[in-house]
C-alpha atoms as a PDB file:
ATOM      1  CA  UNK A   1      71.671 136.012 198.158  1.00  0.00           C
ATOM      2  CA  UNK A   2      69.002 138.743 198.318  1.00  0.00           C
ATOM      3  CA  UNK A   3      66.836 138.133 201.424  1.00  0.00           C
ATOM      4  CA  UNK A   4      63.651 140.238 201.817  1.00  0.00           C
ATOM      5  CA  UNK A   5      61.770 139.984 205.143  1.00  0.00           C
ATOM      6  CA  UNK A   6      58.220 141.092 205.246  1.00  0.00           C
ATOM      7  CA  UNK A   7      55.626 141.226 207.927  1.00  0.00           C
ATOM      8  CA  UNK A   8      52.015 140.344 207.949  1.00  0.00           C
ATOM      9  CA  UNK A   9      49.833 141.712 210.696  1.00  0.00           C
ATOM     10  CA  UNK A  10      52.996 142.770 212.372  1.00  0.00           C
ATOM     11  CA  UNK A  11      55.824 145.223 212.302  1.00  0.00           C
ATOM     12  CA  UNK A  12      59.371 143.481 211.524  1.00  0.00           C
ATOM     13  CA  UNK A  13      62.111 144.919 213.789  1.00  0.00           C
ATOM     14  CA  UNK A  14      65.573 145.355 212.503  1.00  0.00           C
ATOM     15  CA  UNK A  15      66.837 142.631 214.865  1.00  0.00           C
ATOM     16  CA  UNK A  16      64.307 140.297 213.452  1.00  0.00           C
ATOM     17  CA  UNK A  17      65.409 141.092 209.893  1.00  0.00           C
ATOM     18  CA  UNK A  18      68.993 140.703 210.784  1.00  0.00           C
ATOM     19  CA  UNK A  19      68.446 137.276 212.288  1.00  0.00           C
ATOM     20  CA  UNK A  20      66.453 136.040 209.415  1.00  0.00           C
ATOM     21  CA  UNK A  21      69.070 137.214 206.842  1.00  0.00           C
ATOM     22  CA  UNK A  22      71.843 135.686 208.943  1.00  0.00           C
ATOM     23  CA  UNK A  23      69.943 132.427 209.113  1.00  0.00           C
ATOM     24  CA  UNK A  24      69.188 132.454 205.381  1.00  0.00           C
ATOM     25  CA  UNK A  25      72.811 133.080 204.425  1.00  0.00           C
ATOM     26  CA  UNK A  26      73.708 129.630 205.664  1.00  0.00           C
ATOM     27  CA  UNK A  27      71.772 128.296 202.731  1.00  0.00           C
ATOM     28  CA  UNK A  28      74.004 130.080 200.019  1.00  0.00           C
ATOM     29  CA  UNK A  29      76.137 126.937 199.671  1.00  0.00           C
ATOM     30  CA  UNK A  30      73.126 125.128 198.190  1.00  0.00           C
ATOM     31  CA  UNK A  31      72.177 127.534 195.550  1.00  0.00           C
ATOM     32  CA  UNK A  32      73.942 129.508 192.603  1.00  0.00           C
ATOM     33  CA  UNK A  33      74.818 133.110 192.974  1.00  0.00           C
ATOM     34  CA  UNK A  34      71.435 134.645 191.898  1.00  0.00           C
ATOM     35  CA  UNK A  35      69.212 133.740 194.705  1.00  0.00           C
ATOM     36  CA  UNK A  36      66.087 135.638 195.837  1.00  0.00           C
ATOM     37  CA  UNK A  37      64.555 134.708 199.237  1.00  0.00           C
ATOM     38  CA  UNK A  38      61.195 136.345 200.310  1.00  0.00           C
ATOM     39  CA  UNK A  39      60.523 135.710 204.087  1.00  0.00           C
ATOM     40  CA  UNK A  40      57.021 136.528 205.289  1.00  0.00           C
ATOM     41  CA  UNK A  41      56.494 136.591 209.082  1.00  0.00           C
ATOM     42  CA  UNK A  42      53.128 136.749 210.585  1.00  0.00           C
ATOM     43  CA  UNK A  43      51.409 136.678 213.918  1.00  0.00           C
ATOM     44  CA  UNK A  44      47.870 135.411 214.528  1.00  0.00           C
ATOM     45  CA  UNK A  45      46.141 136.150 217.922  1.00  0.00           C
ATOM     46  CA  UNK A  46      49.513 136.772 219.539  1.00  0.00           C
ATOM     47  CA  UNK A  47      50.141 133.090 219.859  1.00  0.00           C
ATOM     48  CA  UNK A  48      50.745 131.662 216.453  1.00  0.00           C
ATOM     49  CA  UNK A  49      53.944 132.987 214.893  1.00  0.00           C
ATOM     50  CA  UNK A  50      54.220 131.867 211.202  1.00  0.00           C
ATOM     51  CA  UNK A  51      57.474 132.103 209.088  1.00  0.00           C
ATOM     52  CA  UNK A  52      57.319 131.500 205.332  1.00  0.00           C
ATOM     53  CA  UNK A  53      59.841 131.432 202.648  1.00  0.00           C
ATOM     54  CA  UNK A  54      59.824 131.432 198.898  1.00  0.00           C
ATOM     55  CA  UNK A  55      63.204 130.902 197.292  1.00  0.00           C
ATOM     56  CA  UNK A  56      63.753 131.503 193.509  1.00  0.00           C
ATOM     57  CA  UNK A  57      66.849 130.645 191.842  1.00  0.00           C
ATOM     58  CA  UNK A  58      67.644 130.012 188.153  1.00  0.00           C
ATOM     59  CA  UNK A  59      64.023 128.538 187.545  1.00  0.00           C
ATOM     60  CA  UNK A  60      64.018 126.608 190.898  1.00  0.00           C
ATOM     61  CA  UNK A  61      61.159 127.384 192.995  1.00  0.00           C
ATOM     62  CA  UNK A  62      61.244 126.395 196.741  1.00  0.00           C
ATOM     63  CA  UNK A  63      58.614 127.148 199.313  1.00  0.00           C
ATOM     64  CA  UNK A  64      58.221 126.135 203.063  1.00  0.00           C
ATOM     65  CA  UNK A  65      56.683 127.413 206.124  1.00  0.00           C
ATOM     66  CA  UNK A  66      56.606 126.818 209.900  1.00  0.00           C
ATOM     67  CA  UNK A  67      54.528 127.727 212.929  1.00  0.00           C
ATOM     68  CA  UNK A  68      55.350 128.048 216.559  1.00  0.00           C
ATOM     69  CA  UNK A  69      54.821 129.876 219.680  1.00  0.00           C
ATOM     70  CA  UNK A  70      57.902 132.006 219.110  1.00  0.00           C
ATOM     71  CA  UNK A  71      59.094 133.923 215.945  1.00  0.00           C
ATOM     72  CA  UNK A  72      62.713 133.154 216.324  1.00  0.00           C
ATOM     73  CA  UNK A  73      62.070 129.529 216.561  1.00  0.00           C
ATOM     74  CA  UNK A  74      59.761 129.511 213.714  1.00  0.00           C
ATOM     75  CA  UNK A  75      62.608 131.035 211.596  1.00  0.00           C
ATOM     76  CA  UNK A  76      64.949 128.356 212.855  1.00  0.00           C
ATOM     77  CA  UNK A  77      62.709 125.575 212.007  1.00  0.00           C
ATOM     78  CA  UNK A  78      62.041 127.117 208.577  1.00  0.00           C
ATOM     79  CA  UNK A  79      65.693 127.358 207.825  1.00  0.00           C
ATOM     80  CA  UNK A  80      66.235 123.737 208.791  1.00  0.00           C
ATOM     81  CA  UNK A  81      63.347 122.593 206.722  1.00  0.00           C
ATOM     82  CA  UNK A  82      64.610 124.479 203.570  1.00  0.00           C
ATOM     83  CA  UNK A  83      68.171 123.304 204.280  1.00  0.00           C
ATOM     84  CA  UNK A  84      67.056 119.642 204.325  1.00  0.00           C
ATOM     85  CA  UNK A  85      65.178 119.986 201.103  1.00  0.00           C
ATOM     86  CA  UNK A  86      68.037 121.847 199.315  1.00  0.00           C
ATOM     87  CA  UNK A  87      70.554 119.210 200.451  1.00  0.00           C
ATOM     88  CA  UNK A  88      68.272 116.412 199.112  1.00  0.00           C
ATOM     89  CA  UNK A  89      67.864 118.274 195.873  1.00  0.00           C
ATOM     90  CA  UNK A  90      71.604 118.813 195.649  1.00  0.00           C
ATOM     91  CA  UNK A  91      72.359 115.010 196.481  1.00  0.00           C
ATOM     92  CA  UNK A  92      69.756 113.949 193.754  1.00  0.00           C
ATOM     93  CA  UNK A  93      71.342 116.109 191.302  1.00  0.00           C
ATOM     94  CA  UNK A  94      74.874 114.661 192.119  1.00  0.00           C
ATOM     95  CA  UNK A  95      73.320 111.251 192.139  1.00  0.00           C
ATOM     96  CA  UNK A  96      71.824 111.694 188.817  1.00  0.00           C
ATOM     97  CA  UNK A  97      75.187 112.832 187.362  1.00  0.00           C
ATOM     98  CA  UNK A  98      76.875 109.694 188.634  1.00  0.00           C
ATOM     99  CA  UNK A  99      74.162 107.562 187.069  1.00  0.00           C
ATOM    100  CA  UNK A 100      74.523 109.219 183.573  1.00  0.00           C
ATOM    101  CA  UNK A 101      78.451 109.113 183.746  1.00  0.00           C
ATOM    102  CA  UNK A 102      78.833 105.689 185.038  1.00  0.00           C
ATOM    103  CA  UNK A 103      76.505 103.470 182.970  1.00  0.00           C
ATOM    104  CA  UNK A 104      77.718 100.062 184.149  1.00  0.00           C
ATOM    105  CA  UNK A 105      77.889 100.879 187.886  1.00  0.00           C
ATOM    106  CA  UNK A 106      75.393  99.727 190.561  1.00  0.00           C
ATOM    107  CA  UNK A 107      73.493 102.554 191.958  1.00  0.00           C
ATOM    108  CA  UNK A 108      75.069 104.501 194.870  1.00  0.00           C
ATOM    109  CA  UNK A 109      73.938 103.383 198.341  1.00  0.00           C
ATOM    110  CA  UNK A 110      71.782 106.115 199.921  1.00  0.00           C
ATOM    111  CA  UNK A 111      74.029 108.490 201.979  1.00  0.00           C
ATOM    112  CA  UNK A 112      71.177 109.819 203.973  1.00  0.00           C
ATOM    113  CA  UNK A 113      71.753 110.044 207.596  1.00  0.00           C
ATOM    114  CA  UNK A 114      68.153 109.661 208.753  1.00  0.00           C
ATOM    115  CA  UNK A 115      64.991 108.277 207.125  1.00  0.00           C
ATOM    116  CA  UNK A 116      63.538 111.842 206.376  1.00  0.00           C
ATOM    117  CA  UNK A 117      66.650 112.665 204.271  1.00  0.00           C
ATOM    118  CA  UNK A 118      66.041 109.650 202.091  1.00  0.00           C
ATOM    119  CA  UNK A 119      65.313 110.597 198.396  1.00  0.00           C
ATOM    120  CA  UNK A 120      61.911 109.129 197.328  1.00  0.00           C
ATOM    121  CA  UNK A 121      61.935 106.621 194.495  1.00  0.00           C
ATOM    122  CA  UNK A 122      59.367 106.413 191.717  1.00  0.00           C
ATOM    123  CA  UNK A 123      57.826 102.831 192.384  1.00  0.00           C
ATOM    124  CA  UNK A 124      54.755 103.011 190.016  1.00  0.00           C
ATOM    125  CA  UNK A 125      53.881 104.723 186.807  1.00  0.00           C
ATOM    126  CA  UNK A 126      50.315 105.166 185.828  1.00  0.00           C
ATOM    127  CA  UNK A 127      49.032 106.228 182.256  1.00  0.00           C
ATOM    128  CA  UNK A 128      45.528 107.409 181.466  1.00  0.00           C
ATOM    129  CA  UNK A 129      43.652 109.272 178.784  1.00  0.00           C
ATOM    130  CA  UNK A 130      42.974 112.891 179.596  1.00  0.00           C
ATOM    131  CA  UNK A 131      39.360 113.639 178.626  1.00  0.00           C
ATOM    132  CA  UNK A 132      38.531 117.407 177.992  1.00  0.00           C
ATOM    133  CA  UNK A 133      36.303 118.644 180.695  1.00  0.00           C
ATOM    134  CA  UNK A 134      35.381 121.699 182.580  1.00  0.00           C
ATOM    135  CA  UNK A 135      36.818 122.244 186.110  1.00  0.00           C
ATOM    136  CA  UNK A 136      33.520 121.499 187.562  1.00  0.00           C
ATOM    137  CA  UNK A 137      33.288 118.209 185.861  1.00  0.00           C
ATOM    138  CA  UNK A 138      36.883 117.480 187.113  1.00  0.00           C
ATOM    139  CA  UNK A 139      35.731 118.168 190.718  1.00  0.00           C
ATOM    140  CA  UNK A 140      32.704 115.886 190.246  1.00  0.00           C
ATOM    141  CA  UNK A 141      35.053 113.121 188.851  1.00  0.00           C
ATOM    142  CA  UNK A 142      37.738 113.599 191.723  1.00  0.00           C
ATOM    143  CA  UNK A 143      34.812 113.158 194.311  1.00  0.00           C
ATOM    144  CA  UNK A 144      33.534 110.023 192.374  1.00  0.00           C
ATOM    145  CA  UNK A 145      37.142 108.501 192.619  1.00  0.00           C
ATOM    146  CA  UNK A 146      37.609 109.739 196.177  1.00  0.00           C
ATOM    147  CA  UNK A 147      41.030 111.178 195.316  1.00  0.00           C
ATOM    148  CA  UNK A 148      42.942 114.073 196.787  1.00  0.00           C
ATOM    149  CA  UNK A 149      43.640 115.457 193.269  1.00  0.00           C
ATOM    150  CA  UNK A 150      42.587 115.025 189.628  1.00  0.00           C
ATOM    151  CA  UNK A 151      44.552 115.755 186.520  1.00  0.00           C
ATOM    152  CA  UNK A 152      42.457 116.589 183.503  1.00  0.00           C
ATOM    153  CA  UNK A 153      42.512 118.530 180.128  1.00  0.00           C
ATOM    154  CA  UNK A 154      40.689 121.797 180.639  1.00  0.00           C
ATOM    155  CA  UNK A 155      38.121 122.242 177.850  1.00  0.00           C
ATOM    156  CA  UNK A 156      38.191 125.883 178.019  1.00  0.00           C
ATOM    157  CA  UNK A 157      41.943 126.540 177.928  1.00  0.00           C
ATOM    158  CA  UNK A 158      43.014 123.389 176.118  1.00  0.00           C
ATOM    159  CA  UNK A 159      45.847 122.967 178.716  1.00  0.00           C
ATOM    160  CA  UNK A 160      46.543 120.320 181.279  1.00  0.00           C
ATOM    161  CA  UNK A 161      45.146 121.337 184.776  1.00  0.00           C
ATOM    162  CA  UNK A 162      45.023 119.972 188.170  1.00  0.00           C
ATOM    163  CA  UNK A 163      42.105 120.083 190.794  1.00  0.00           C
ATOM    164  CA  UNK A 164      43.027 119.160 194.357  1.00  0.00           C
ATOM    165  CA  UNK A 165      41.423 119.206 197.799  1.00  0.00           C
ATOM    166  CA  UNK A 166      42.473 121.810 200.211  1.00  0.00           C
ATOM    167  CA  UNK A 167      42.826 121.292 204.022  1.00  0.00           C
ATOM    168  CA  UNK A 168      40.034 123.912 204.527  1.00  0.00           C
ATOM    169  CA  UNK A 169      37.658 121.574 202.625  1.00  0.00           C
ATOM    170  CA  UNK A 170      37.476 123.603 199.445  1.00  0.00           C
ATOM    171  CA  UNK A 171      38.999 122.881 196.197  1.00  0.00           C
ATOM    172  CA  UNK A 172      41.967 124.388 194.367  1.00  0.00           C
ATOM    173  CA  UNK A 173      42.737 124.711 190.592  1.00  0.00           C
ATOM    174  CA  UNK A 174      46.187 124.644 189.134  1.00  0.00           C
ATOM    175  CA  UNK A 175      46.630 125.896 185.677  1.00  0.00           C
ATOM    176  CA  UNK A 176      49.925 126.514 183.634  1.00  0.00           C
ATOM    177  CA  UNK A 177      50.494 129.951 182.581  1.00  0.00           C
ATOM    178  CA  UNK A 178      51.409 130.829 178.994  1.00  0.00           C
END
């Protein structure tokens, strides 16, 4: 596991780097050998301590962030959050293998110890035609439908794109890369 610790608006001390590296080493059991972890630590107004991590492993991309009043606790909470997600992902893979290997068996009971560890189920499927439109038209359509996001066929690039509302009130655009 290759852990890189960077600081934004702060200088990262050796003890902080070592602490983060040791904490993220706990996650090795959930990922294959080739794992890259980029941890970004930031301080805003000496009160808000942010810890953000991006994990890349064999095409899997996982990202999480935490904010507290103390940097070490932000790192602890971040590692716990990623560990929960990684555990759920690994359980989902194992569960999927059991379903494909045992065709006649009843679905396995959820082994989650708490409600937040439960694996979400797809309960509804919706199909709709994608009309080619510009991102600006998609924003208008999203606002007309009063939705948080809108999927559309981008008339400029010809690919499927997503428009979404950001927490700051602006709009984001997600486009696939070639």
